[in-house]
Amino acid sequence: MALSPLPSNPVLANELEIKSILVVDDNAQVADLLKTLLEARDFLVTTVEDGLSALKEIMDLDYDVILCDIEMPGMPGDMLYLATQKLKPELAKRFIFVTGHGDNPKVEAFLKQVDGLVVFKPVNTEELIGMVSLVLSRVEKGRSSIG
């Protein structure tokens, strides 16, 4: 008696895929902490220290979530977002901004302008995971409406 193949279930297959997250933070300790928190929940995490390195990563791989510090030397998070929006607009919807400068008028104005998701430092683990889940559900909805 031959075994019949298991029915293909695209929803289940998508849920089983390991999700990739790019963490962009110029503070290595913060980046490592975020990486540890996310890897403990079975995400594949890449960390980079600046916006330019992040842009190279984004051009090479379509990350499921991009966790991005706003205030960084060189290319800050807002500039990285705008560059991503131009080069890979579908990935701009995957940003979660991380900042300890929520009271900075420039940061506040940028977040309102782009209607960006934000987590404030010090990062609350449950809030972070909630935001990541929100972005992943948006990505899945976008994929299912395309095909």
Protein backbone atom coordinates (compact mmCIF):
# COMPACT_ATOMS: atom_id res chain seq x y z
CA MET A 1 0.00 0.00 0.00
CA ALA A 2 1.53 3.31 -1.10
CA LEU A 3 1.42 6.27 1.19
CA SER A 4 -0.35 9.26 -0.28
CA PRO A 5 1.51 12.56 -0.05
CA LEU A 6 0.43 14.96 2.64
CA PRO A 7 -1.92 17.64 1.35
CA SER A 8 -0.09 20.86 0.73
CA ASN A 9 -1.22 23.58 3.07
CA PRO A 10 0.31 26.95 2.15
CA VAL A 11 -0.79 28.57 5.41
CA LEU A 12 1.00 25.90 7.44
CA ALA A 13 4.05 26.11 5.20
CA ASN A 14 4.25 29.88 5.71
CA GLU A 15 3.92 29.51 9.47
CA LEU A 16 6.80 27.03 9.50
CA GLU A 17 9.18 29.27 7.58
CA ILE A 18 11.86 30.82 9.73
CA LYS A 19 11.39 34.57 9.68
CA SER A 20 14.40 36.82 9.14
CA ILE A 21 14.94 40.04 11.05
CA LEU A 22 17.53 42.71 10.39
CA VAL A 23 18.56 44.63 13.52
CA VAL A 24 20.19 47.99 12.80
CA ASP A 25 21.71 49.71 15.85
CA ASP A 26 25.00 51.53 16.34
CA ASN A 27 25.11 50.36 19.98
CA ALA A 28 26.54 46.82 19.84
CA GLN A 29 25.16 45.94 23.29
CA VAL A 30 21.62 46.91 22.30
CA ALA A 31 21.93 45.04 19.00
CA ASP A 32 23.20 41.91 20.79
CA LEU A 33 20.40 42.10 23.36
CA LEU A 34 17.75 42.41 20.64
CA LYS A 35 19.36 39.56 18.71
CA THR A 36 19.32 37.32 21.82
CA LEU A 37 15.66 38.15 22.56
CA LEU A 38 14.57 37.44 19.00
CA GLU A 39 16.66 34.30 18.49
CA ALA A 40 15.13 32.89 21.68
CA ARG A 41 11.84 33.03 19.76
CA ASP A 42 13.30 31.22 16.73
CA PHE A 43 13.87 34.19 14.44
CA LEU A 44 16.92 34.32 12.17
CA VAL A 45 18.61 37.59 13.14
CA THR A 46 21.30 39.61 11.35
CA THR A 47 22.77 42.66 13.06
CA VAL A 48 24.53 45.65 11.50
CA GLU A 49 25.89 48.80 13.15
CA ASP A 50 24.95 51.49 10.63
CA GLY A 51 22.50 52.52 7.95
CA LEU A 52 24.86 52.00 5.03
CA SER A 53 25.58 48.38 6.03
CA ALA A 54 21.85 47.89 6.53
CA LEU A 55 21.10 49.20 3.05
CA LYS A 56 23.55 46.69 1.58
CA GLU A 57 21.81 43.89 3.52
CA ILE A 58 18.37 45.07 2.38
CA MET A 59 19.52 45.08 -1.25
CA ASP A 60 20.77 41.49 -0.87
CA LEU A 61 17.85 39.98 1.06
CA ASP A 62 14.15 40.69 1.60
CA TYR A 63 14.00 40.63 5.39
CA ASP A 64 10.63 39.90 6.99
CA VAL A 65 11.17 42.62 9.63
CA ILE A 66 13.66 45.48 9.89
CA LEU A 67 14.23 46.69 13.44
CA CYS A 68 15.95 50.04 13.05
CA ASP A 69 17.44 52.58 15.46
CA ILE A 70 16.64 56.12 14.35
CA GLU A 71 19.58 58.07 15.77
CA MET A 72 22.80 56.68 14.26
CA PRO A 73 25.94 58.35 12.89
CA GLY A 74 26.45 58.32 9.13
CA MET A 75 23.11 57.22 7.74
CA PRO A 76 20.43 57.53 10.44
CA GLY A 77 17.32 55.35 10.49
CA ASP A 78 15.08 57.91 8.81
CA MET A 79 17.46 58.13 5.84
CA LEU A 80 17.71 54.33 5.66
CA TYR A 81 13.92 54.13 5.60
CA LEU A 82 13.65 56.72 2.81
CA ALA A 83 16.34 54.95 0.76
CA THR A 84 14.57 51.61 1.26
CA GLN A 85 11.26 53.17 0.29
CA LYS A 86 12.82 54.30 -3.00
CA LEU A 87 14.75 51.11 -3.80
CA LYS A 88 12.50 48.39 -2.36
CA PRO A 89 9.17 50.01 -1.43
CA GLU A 90 7.62 46.71 -0.31
CA LEU A 91 10.23 46.44 2.45
CA ALA A 92 9.50 49.92 3.84
CA LYS A 93 6.32 48.48 5.38
CA ARG A 94 8.46 46.07 7.41
CA PHE A 95 10.26 48.69 9.52
CA ILE A 96 9.93 48.95 13.27
CA PHE A 97 11.83 51.94 14.61
CA VAL A 98 13.65 51.76 17.92
CA THR A 99 14.52 54.98 19.71
CA GLY A 100 15.40 56.46 23.03
CA HIS A 101 14.65 59.91 21.59
CA GLY A 102 10.84 59.90 21.52
CA ASP A 103 10.77 63.48 22.79
CA ASN A 104 12.96 64.74 19.92
CA PRO A 105 10.72 66.90 17.64
CA LYS A 106 12.59 65.72 14.50
CA VAL A 107 12.09 62.04 15.43
CA GLU A 108 8.46 62.68 16.37
CA ALA A 109 7.77 64.47 13.07
CA PHE A 110 9.41 61.70 11.03
CA LEU A 111 7.42 58.93 12.77
CA LYS A 112 4.16 60.82 12.20
CA GLN A 113 5.05 61.52 8.56
CA VAL A 114 5.70 57.87 7.71
CA ASP A 115 3.14 56.47 10.18
CA GLY A 116 5.94 54.28 11.50
CA LEU A 117 5.75 51.59 14.15
CA VAL A 118 8.03 52.45 17.05
CA VAL A 119 9.39 50.78 20.18
CA PHE A 120 10.99 53.01 22.80
CA LYS A 121 14.20 52.23 24.66
CA PRO A 122 14.52 50.60 27.08
CA VAL A 123 12.75 47.98 24.96
CA ASN A 124 9.91 46.02 26.55
CA THR A 125 10.23 42.42 25.31
CA GLU A 126 6.49 41.75 25.00
CA GLU A 127 5.91 45.05 23.19
CA LEU A 128 8.75 44.22 20.79
CA ILE A 129 7.38 40.74 20.04
CA GLY A 130 3.90 42.22 19.58
CA MET A 131 5.23 44.71 17.03
CA VAL A 132 7.18 41.98 15.19
CA SER A 133 4.00 39.85 15.05
CA LEU A 134 2.06 42.82 13.69
CA VAL A 135 4.58 43.38 10.89
CA LEU A 136 4.66 39.66 10.05
CA SER A 137 0.86 39.52 9.82
CA ARG A 138 0.88 42.56 7.52
CA VAL A 139 3.51 40.90 5.32
CA GLU A 140 1.47 37.67 5.12
CA LYS A 141 -1.70 39.61 4.22
CA GLY A 142 0.23 41.40 1.49
CA ARG A 143 1.54 38.12 0.09
CA SER A 144 -1.88 36.42 0.15
CA SER A 145 -3.56 39.37 -1.62
CA ILE A 146 -0.95 39.22 -4.41
CA GLY A 147 -1.26 35.56 -5.26
